[in-house]
Amino acid sequence: LHLSAQTNFCQRLFIKGCEAEQAVGMYLRYNATAQYEESEKLLSADQTKNVPFDVMKADFENGIYPLDVLVHGFKTLSEEEYGEEKSLYDNQATLLGYTSYKVVQVSLDEQWPDEIKENVTRQYAVGHGRKGWKIFEITEK
């Protein structure tokens, strides 16, 4: 999946797999194309307080944003693979009223105006509730 904010272009988003992976893919797409209002809709209410969309928007307007994002892959992790964080995710999911959740790992490269960040790995905890799939935790690994 190749995303580019500079040209406001996104290849057709087609992710085989679960809806949690699709939610993460759309979140990345919206961020790459500076559609922060749409990105915010994919986050849990408490997570929107942790993501500085106002700063991101101001940075974008000042030319500080990833010029290019190359997503290498999405992987839904097993409980064994995110075991250290499981109790944290269990508690958050329960507090937020999610009936289930999945942890999606994404590996990507980002090209910023002044540097290239390669092999970035992030984990997204994505819960399922009445309003669909919502990202409730983002961790850089």
C-alpha atoms as a PDB file:
ATOM      1  CA  LEU A   1       0.000   0.000   0.000  1.00  0.00           C
ATOM      2  CA  HIS A   2       1.510   3.293  -1.055  1.00  0.00           C
ATOM      3  CA  LEU A   3       0.231   6.583   0.355  1.00  0.00           C
ATOM      4  CA  SER A   4       1.362  10.067  -0.601  1.00  0.00           C
ATOM      5  CA  ALA A   5       0.210  13.235   1.138  1.00  0.00           C
ATOM      6  CA  GLN A   6       1.993  15.620  -1.202  1.00  0.00           C
ATOM      7  CA  THR A   7      -0.009  14.585  -4.238  1.00  0.00           C
ATOM      8  CA  ASN A   8      -3.116  13.729  -2.213  1.00  0.00           C
ATOM      9  CA  PHE A   9      -3.012  10.337  -3.913  1.00  0.00           C
ATOM     10  CA  CYS A  10      -3.790   6.982  -2.450  1.00  0.00           C
ATOM     11  CA  GLN A  11      -3.715   3.731  -4.329  1.00  0.00           C
ATOM     12  CA  ARG A  12      -6.953   1.840  -4.083  1.00  0.00           C
ATOM     13  CA  LEU A  13      -7.134   0.558  -0.525  1.00  0.00           C
ATOM     14  CA  PHE A  14      -7.692  -3.161  -0.590  1.00  0.00           C
ATOM     15  CA  ILE A  15      -6.644  -5.062   2.468  1.00  0.00           C
ATOM     16  CA  LYS A  16      -7.402  -8.732   2.686  1.00  0.00           C
ATOM     17  CA  GLY A  17      -8.165  -9.734   6.207  1.00  0.00           C
ATOM     18  CA  CYS A  18     -10.201  -8.527   9.082  1.00  0.00           C
ATOM     19  CA  GLU A  19     -12.160  -5.334   9.557  1.00  0.00           C
ATOM     20  CA  ALA A  20      -9.723  -4.234  12.258  1.00  0.00           C
ATOM     21  CA  GLU A  21      -6.957  -4.157   9.625  1.00  0.00           C
ATOM     22  CA  GLN A  22      -9.241  -2.206   7.306  1.00  0.00           C
ATOM     23  CA  ALA A  23      -9.899   0.369  10.037  1.00  0.00           C
ATOM     24  CA  VAL A  24      -6.149   0.820  10.569  1.00  0.00           C
ATOM     25  CA  GLY A  25      -5.592   1.090   6.811  1.00  0.00           C
ATOM     26  CA  MET A  26      -8.237   3.780   6.506  1.00  0.00           C
ATOM     27  CA  TYR A  27      -6.761   5.643   9.476  1.00  0.00           C
ATOM     28  CA  LEU A  28      -3.359   5.665   7.760  1.00  0.00           C
ATOM     29  CA  ARG A  29      -4.926   6.739   4.479  1.00  0.00           C
ATOM     30  CA  TYR A  30      -6.828   9.623   6.051  1.00  0.00           C
ATOM     31  CA  ASN A  31      -3.737  10.824   7.905  1.00  0.00           C
ATOM     32  CA  ALA A  32      -1.604  10.631   4.748  1.00  0.00           C
ATOM     33  CA  THR A  33      -4.132  12.733   2.841  1.00  0.00           C
ATOM     34  CA  ALA A  34      -4.672  15.210   5.705  1.00  0.00           C
ATOM     35  CA  GLN A  35      -8.295  14.178   6.219  1.00  0.00           C
ATOM     36  CA  TYR A  36      -7.998  14.464   9.980  1.00  0.00           C
ATOM     37  CA  GLU A  37     -11.750  14.730  10.606  1.00  0.00           C
ATOM     38  CA  GLU A  38     -12.144  11.299   9.028  1.00  0.00           C
ATOM     39  CA  SER A  39      -9.165   9.910  10.960  1.00  0.00           C
ATOM     40  CA  GLU A  40     -10.713  11.062  14.206  1.00  0.00           C
ATOM     41  CA  LYS A  41     -13.888   9.069  13.483  1.00  0.00           C
ATOM     42  CA  LEU A  42     -11.850   5.858  13.536  1.00  0.00           C
ATOM     43  CA  LEU A  43     -10.563   6.450  17.076  1.00  0.00           C
ATOM     44  CA  SER A  44     -12.202   5.756  20.403  1.00  0.00           C
ATOM     45  CA  ALA A  45     -13.354   8.850  22.294  1.00  0.00           C
ATOM     46  CA  ASP A  46     -10.464   8.664  24.752  1.00  0.00           C
ATOM     47  CA  GLN A  47      -7.873   8.077  22.004  1.00  0.00           C
ATOM     48  CA  THR A  48      -8.954  11.252  20.142  1.00  0.00           C
ATOM     49  CA  LYS A  49      -7.702  13.192  23.173  1.00  0.00           C
ATOM     50  CA  ASN A  50      -4.247  11.601  22.767  1.00  0.00           C
ATOM     51  CA  VAL A  51      -3.811  12.347  19.046  1.00  0.00           C
ATOM     52  CA  PRO A  52      -2.993  16.044  18.426  1.00  0.00           C
ATOM     53  CA  PHE A  53      -5.023  16.556  15.246  1.00  0.00           C
ATOM     54  CA  ASP A  54      -4.864  20.351  15.637  1.00  0.00           C
ATOM     55  CA  VAL A  55      -1.049  20.196  15.691  1.00  0.00           C
ATOM     56  CA  MET A  56      -1.021  17.762  12.770  1.00  0.00           C
ATOM     57  CA  LYS A  57      -3.239  20.099  10.744  1.00  0.00           C
ATOM     58  CA  ALA A  58      -1.042  23.117  11.536  1.00  0.00           C
ATOM     59  CA  ASP A  59       2.077  21.117  10.659  1.00  0.00           C
ATOM     60  CA  PHE A  60       0.516  20.064   7.362  1.00  0.00           C
ATOM     61  CA  GLU A  61      -0.297  23.679   6.521  1.00  0.00           C
ATOM     62  CA  ASN A  62       3.355  24.560   7.272  1.00  0.00           C
ATOM     63  CA  GLY A  63       4.738  21.771   5.081  1.00  0.00           C
ATOM     64  CA  ILE A  64       5.684  19.431   7.916  1.00  0.00           C
ATOM     65  CA  TYR A  65       4.152  16.066   7.114  1.00  0.00           C
ATOM     66  CA  PRO A  66       5.179  12.721   5.647  1.00  0.00           C
ATOM     67  CA  LEU A  67       5.648  13.311   1.935  1.00  0.00           C
ATOM     68  CA  ASP A  68       5.443   9.617   1.248  1.00  0.00           C
ATOM     69  CA  VAL A  69       4.307   6.590   3.248  1.00  0.00           C
ATOM     70  CA  LEU A  70       4.996   3.046   2.123  1.00  0.00           C
ATOM     71  CA  VAL A  71       3.131   0.395   4.100  1.00  0.00           C
ATOM     72  CA  HIS A  72       4.924  -2.948   3.933  1.00  0.00           C
ATOM     73  CA  GLY A  73       2.240  -4.977   5.620  1.00  0.00           C
ATOM     74  CA  PHE A  74      -0.571  -5.481   8.096  1.00  0.00           C
ATOM     75  CA  LYS A  75      -0.617  -8.364  10.532  1.00  0.00           C
ATOM     76  CA  THR A  76      -3.265  -9.229  13.083  1.00  0.00           C
ATOM     77  CA  LEU A  77      -1.278 -10.469  16.073  1.00  0.00           C
ATOM     78  CA  SER A  78      -2.074 -13.492  18.181  1.00  0.00           C
ATOM     79  CA  GLU A  79      -2.447 -13.068  21.950  1.00  0.00           C
ATOM     80  CA  GLU A  80       1.008 -14.583  22.378  1.00  0.00           C
ATOM     81  CA  GLU A  81       2.518 -11.907  20.138  1.00  0.00           C
ATOM     82  CA  TYR A  82       1.148  -9.002  22.185  1.00  0.00           C
ATOM     83  CA  GLY A  83       1.141 -10.836  25.514  1.00  0.00           C
ATOM     84  CA  GLU A  84       2.975  -8.114  27.453  1.00  0.00           C
ATOM     85  CA  GLU A  85       0.223  -5.611  26.687  1.00  0.00           C
ATOM     86  CA  LYS A  86      -2.713  -8.042  26.923  1.00  0.00           C
ATOM     87  CA  SER A  87      -3.878  -7.044  30.403  1.00  0.00           C
ATOM     88  CA  LEU A  88      -3.712  -3.356  29.451  1.00  0.00           C
ATOM     89  CA  TYR A  89      -5.717  -3.971  26.267  1.00  0.00           C
ATOM     90  CA  ASP A  90      -8.213  -6.200  28.120  1.00  0.00           C
ATOM     91  CA  ASN A  91      -8.836  -3.479  30.709  1.00  0.00           C
ATOM     92  CA  GLN A  92      -9.157  -0.688  28.138  1.00  0.00           C
ATOM     93  CA  ALA A  93     -11.487  -2.731  25.931  1.00  0.00           C
ATOM     94  CA  THR A  94     -13.706  -3.526  28.914  1.00  0.00           C
ATOM     95  CA  LEU A  95     -13.790   0.099  30.102  1.00  0.00           C
ATOM     96  CA  LEU A  96     -14.701   1.288  26.603  1.00  0.00           C
ATOM     97  CA  GLY A  97     -17.449  -1.330  26.246  1.00  0.00           C
ATOM     98  CA  TYR A  98     -15.949  -3.279  23.346  1.00  0.00           C
ATOM     99  CA  THR A  99     -17.228  -6.799  22.827  1.00  0.00           C
ATOM    100  CA  SER A 100     -13.911  -7.858  21.290  1.00  0.00           C
ATOM    101  CA  TYR A 101     -10.653  -6.411  20.032  1.00  0.00           C
ATOM    102  CA  LYS A 102      -7.719  -7.237  17.792  1.00  0.00           C
ATOM    103  CA  VAL A 103      -4.156  -5.938  17.718  1.00  0.00           C
ATOM    104  CA  VAL A 104      -2.902  -4.994  14.268  1.00  0.00           C
ATOM    105  CA  GLN A 105       0.797  -4.494  13.578  1.00  0.00           C
ATOM    106  CA  VAL A 106       1.849  -2.293  10.666  1.00  0.00           C
ATOM    107  CA  SER A 107       5.339  -1.928   9.244  1.00  0.00           C
ATOM    108  CA  LEU A 108       6.025   1.122   7.096  1.00  0.00           C
ATOM    109  CA  ASP A 109       8.505   3.694   5.842  1.00  0.00           C
ATOM    110  CA  GLU A 110       7.852   7.445   6.056  1.00  0.00           C
ATOM    111  CA  GLN A 111       9.606  10.127   4.040  1.00  0.00           C
ATOM    112  CA  TRP A 112       9.503  13.479   5.845  1.00  0.00           C
ATOM    113  CA  PRO A 113      10.805  16.758   4.390  1.00  0.00           C
ATOM    114  CA  ASP A 114      14.071  16.467   6.335  1.00  0.00           C
ATOM    115  CA  GLU A 115      14.482  12.724   6.969  1.00  0.00           C
ATOM    116  CA  ILE A 116      13.422   9.219   6.051  1.00  0.00           C
ATOM    117  CA  LYS A 117      12.109   6.916   8.754  1.00  0.00           C
ATOM    118  CA  GLU A 118      12.514   3.321   7.635  1.00  0.00           C
ATOM    119  CA  ASN A 119      11.125   0.166   9.146  1.00  0.00           C
ATOM    120  CA  VAL A 120       8.718   1.886  11.514  1.00  0.00           C
ATOM    121  CA  THR A 121       6.515  -0.618  13.353  1.00  0.00           C
ATOM    122  CA  ARG A 122       3.305   0.402  15.091  1.00  0.00           C
ATOM    123  CA  GLN A 123       0.679  -1.605  16.890  1.00  0.00           C
ATOM    124  CA  TYR A 124      -2.953  -0.559  16.881  1.00  0.00           C
ATOM    125  CA  ALA A 125      -5.421  -2.038  19.365  1.00  0.00           C
ATOM    126  CA  VAL A 126      -8.795  -1.959  17.627  1.00  0.00           C
ATOM    127  CA  GLY A 127     -11.995  -2.653  19.531  1.00  0.00           C
ATOM    128  CA  HIS A 128     -15.397  -3.693  18.217  1.00  0.00           C
ATOM    129  CA  GLY A 129     -18.519  -2.161  19.686  1.00  0.00           C
ATOM    130  CA  ARG A 130     -21.855  -0.639  18.717  1.00  0.00           C
ATOM    131  CA  LYS A 131     -20.186   1.947  16.476  1.00  0.00           C
ATOM    132  CA  GLY A 132     -18.004  -0.537  14.612  1.00  0.00           C
ATOM    133  CA  TRP A 133     -14.238  -0.886  14.875  1.00  0.00           C
ATOM    134  CA  LYS A 134     -12.379   1.882  16.729  1.00  0.00           C
ATOM    135  CA  ILE A 135      -8.670   2.270  17.404  1.00  0.00           C
ATOM    136  CA  PHE A 136      -8.168   2.640  21.150  1.00  0.00           C
ATOM    137  CA  GLU A 137      -4.389   2.359  21.505  1.00  0.00           C
ATOM    138  CA  ILE A 138      -1.447   3.202  19.214  1.00  0.00           C
ATOM    139  CA  THR A 139       2.056   2.094  20.182  1.00  0.00           C
ATOM    140  CA  GLU A 140       5.299   2.535  18.280  1.00  0.00           C
ATOM    141  CA  LYS A 141       7.523  -0.520  18.596  1.00  0.00           C
END
